[in-house]
């Protein structure tokens, strides 16, 4: 639930929505279909980069939580239970 609330104003989502609006502006209002189509290709790129950076951040958090060891989660749980 928190993830859904957090992503509501994510800069990547705002940039994607803005580029869709800009694409429509160029395509329908200005009549420049080529530019409109070009700008319309930006949203998936913005969202792909945002997804990549989020996955990288989550991977780093998992590595920190597990101590980066090869035993990973099992060793971390054993350390926590010993305390």
C-alpha atoms as a PDB file:
ATOM      1  CA  UNK A   1       0.000   0.000   0.000  1.00  0.00           C
ATOM      2  CA  UNK A   2       2.830   2.418   0.866  1.00  0.00           C
ATOM      3  CA  UNK A   3       4.482   1.734  -2.487  1.00  0.00           C
ATOM      4  CA  UNK A   4       1.312   2.681  -4.334  1.00  0.00           C
ATOM      5  CA  UNK A   5       0.981   5.909  -2.354  1.00  0.00           C
ATOM      6  CA  UNK A   6       4.643   6.781  -2.860  1.00  0.00           C
ATOM      7  CA  UNK A   7       4.586   6.351  -6.633  1.00  0.00           C
ATOM      8  CA  UNK A   8       1.661   8.730  -7.102  1.00  0.00           C
ATOM      9  CA  UNK A   9       3.900  11.785  -7.442  1.00  0.00           C
ATOM     10  CA  UNK A  10       7.045  10.014  -8.571  1.00  0.00           C
ATOM     11  CA  UNK A  11       9.036  12.334 -10.894  1.00  0.00           C
ATOM     12  CA  UNK A  12       9.183   9.629 -13.585  1.00  0.00           C
ATOM     13  CA  UNK A  13       5.403   9.343 -13.644  1.00  0.00           C
ATOM     14  CA  UNK A  14       4.991  13.105 -13.776  1.00  0.00           C
ATOM     15  CA  UNK A  15       7.556  13.338 -16.612  1.00  0.00           C
ATOM     16  CA  UNK A  16       5.816  10.527 -18.477  1.00  0.00           C
ATOM     17  CA  UNK A  17       2.414  12.175 -18.177  1.00  0.00           C
ATOM     18  CA  UNK A  18       3.859  15.519 -19.243  1.00  0.00           C
ATOM     19  CA  UNK A  19       5.513  13.986 -22.288  1.00  0.00           C
ATOM     20  CA  UNK A  20       2.239  12.338 -23.304  1.00  0.00           C
ATOM     21  CA  UNK A  21       0.514  15.718 -23.061  1.00  0.00           C
ATOM     22  CA  UNK A  22       3.326  17.351 -25.029  1.00  0.00           C
ATOM     23  CA  UNK A  23       3.102  14.610 -27.626  1.00  0.00           C
ATOM     24  CA  UNK A  24      -0.621  15.201 -28.061  1.00  0.00           C
ATOM     25  CA  UNK A  25       0.013  18.941 -28.310  1.00  0.00           C
ATOM     26  CA  UNK A  26       2.544  18.505 -31.109  1.00  0.00           C
ATOM     27  CA  UNK A  27       0.481  15.870 -32.921  1.00  0.00           C
ATOM     28  CA  UNK A  28      -2.975  17.421 -32.774  1.00  0.00           C
ATOM     29  CA  UNK A  29      -2.572  21.150 -32.063  1.00  0.00           C
ATOM     30  CA  UNK A  30       0.623  21.982 -33.949  1.00  0.00           C
ATOM     31  CA  UNK A  31       0.037  19.376 -36.664  1.00  0.00           C
ATOM     32  CA  UNK A  32       3.645  18.194 -36.390  1.00  0.00           C
ATOM     33  CA  UNK A  33       3.003  14.471 -36.407  1.00  0.00           C
ATOM     34  CA  UNK A  34       6.647  13.411 -36.582  1.00  0.00           C
ATOM     35  CA  UNK A  35       7.606  15.403 -33.477  1.00  0.00           C
ATOM     36  CA  UNK A  36       4.470  14.227 -31.726  1.00  0.00           C
ATOM     37  CA  UNK A  37       5.372  10.601 -32.354  1.00  0.00           C
ATOM     38  CA  UNK A  38       8.972  11.196 -31.272  1.00  0.00           C
ATOM     39  CA  UNK A  39       7.946  12.809 -27.991  1.00  0.00           C
ATOM     40  CA  UNK A  40       5.383  10.036 -27.522  1.00  0.00           C
ATOM     41  CA  UNK A  41       8.230   7.528 -27.297  1.00  0.00           C
ATOM     42  CA  UNK A  42       9.686   9.168 -24.186  1.00  0.00           C
ATOM     43  CA  UNK A  43       7.299   7.849 -21.469  1.00  0.00           C
ATOM     44  CA  UNK A  44       8.370   4.189 -21.690  1.00  0.00           C
ATOM     45  CA  UNK A  45      11.996   5.296 -21.493  1.00  0.00           C
ATOM     46  CA  UNK A  46      11.366   7.411 -18.397  1.00  0.00           C
ATOM     47  CA  UNK A  47       9.504   4.557 -16.721  1.00  0.00           C
ATOM     48  CA  UNK A  48      12.188   2.012 -17.673  1.00  0.00           C
ATOM     49  CA  UNK A  49      14.932   4.141 -16.131  1.00  0.00           C
ATOM     50  CA  UNK A  50      12.858   4.689 -12.994  1.00  0.00           C
ATOM     51  CA  UNK A  51      12.237   0.954 -12.706  1.00  0.00           C
ATOM     52  CA  UNK A  52      15.934   0.187 -13.142  1.00  0.00           C
ATOM     53  CA  UNK A  53      16.979   2.662 -10.446  1.00  0.00           C
ATOM     54  CA  UNK A  54      14.280   1.399  -8.060  1.00  0.00           C
ATOM     55  CA  UNK A  55      15.402  -2.203  -8.556  1.00  0.00           C
ATOM     56  CA  UNK A  56      19.021  -1.193  -8.002  1.00  0.00           C
ATOM     57  CA  UNK A  57      18.066   0.618  -4.795  1.00  0.00           C
ATOM     58  CA  UNK A  58      16.104  -2.393  -3.559  1.00  0.00           C
ATOM     59  CA  UNK A  59      18.998  -4.723  -4.390  1.00  0.00           C
ATOM     60  CA  UNK A  60      21.382  -2.542  -2.378  1.00  0.00           C
ATOM     61  CA  UNK A  61      18.966  -2.587   0.560  1.00  0.00           C
ATOM     62  CA  UNK A  62      18.808  -6.394   0.423  1.00  0.00           C
ATOM     63  CA  UNK A  63      22.598  -6.576   0.286  1.00  0.00           C
ATOM     64  CA  UNK A  64      22.835  -4.317   3.326  1.00  0.00           C
ATOM     65  CA  UNK A  65      20.258  -6.350   5.198  1.00  0.00           C
ATOM     66  CA  UNK A  66      21.999  -9.624   4.450  1.00  0.00           C
ATOM     67  CA  UNK A  67      25.515  -8.337   5.043  1.00  0.00           C
ATOM     68  CA  UNK A  68      26.449  -9.077   1.440  1.00  0.00           C
ATOM     69  CA  UNK A  69      27.575 -12.574   2.382  1.00  0.00           C
ATOM     70  CA  UNK A  70      27.039 -15.606   0.218  1.00  0.00           C
ATOM     71  CA  UNK A  71      24.861 -17.231   2.909  1.00  0.00           C
ATOM     72  CA  UNK A  72      22.606 -14.248   2.645  1.00  0.00           C
ATOM     73  CA  UNK A  73      19.259 -14.302   4.339  1.00  0.00           C
ATOM     74  CA  UNK A  74      19.832 -17.489   6.359  1.00  0.00           C
ATOM     75  CA  UNK A  75      22.984 -16.150   8.007  1.00  0.00           C
ATOM     76  CA  UNK A  76      21.334 -12.811   8.663  1.00  0.00           C
ATOM     77  CA  UNK A  77      18.362 -14.479  10.349  1.00  0.00           C
ATOM     78  CA  UNK A  78      20.715 -16.580  12.454  1.00  0.00           C
ATOM     79  CA  UNK A  79      22.581 -13.435  13.561  1.00  0.00           C
ATOM     80  CA  UNK A  80      19.312 -11.707  14.452  1.00  0.00           C
ATOM     81  CA  UNK A  81      18.061 -14.734  16.411  1.00  0.00           C
ATOM     82  CA  UNK A  82      21.329 -14.962  18.374  1.00  0.00           C
ATOM     83  CA  UNK A  83      20.932 -11.424  19.693  1.00  0.00           C
END
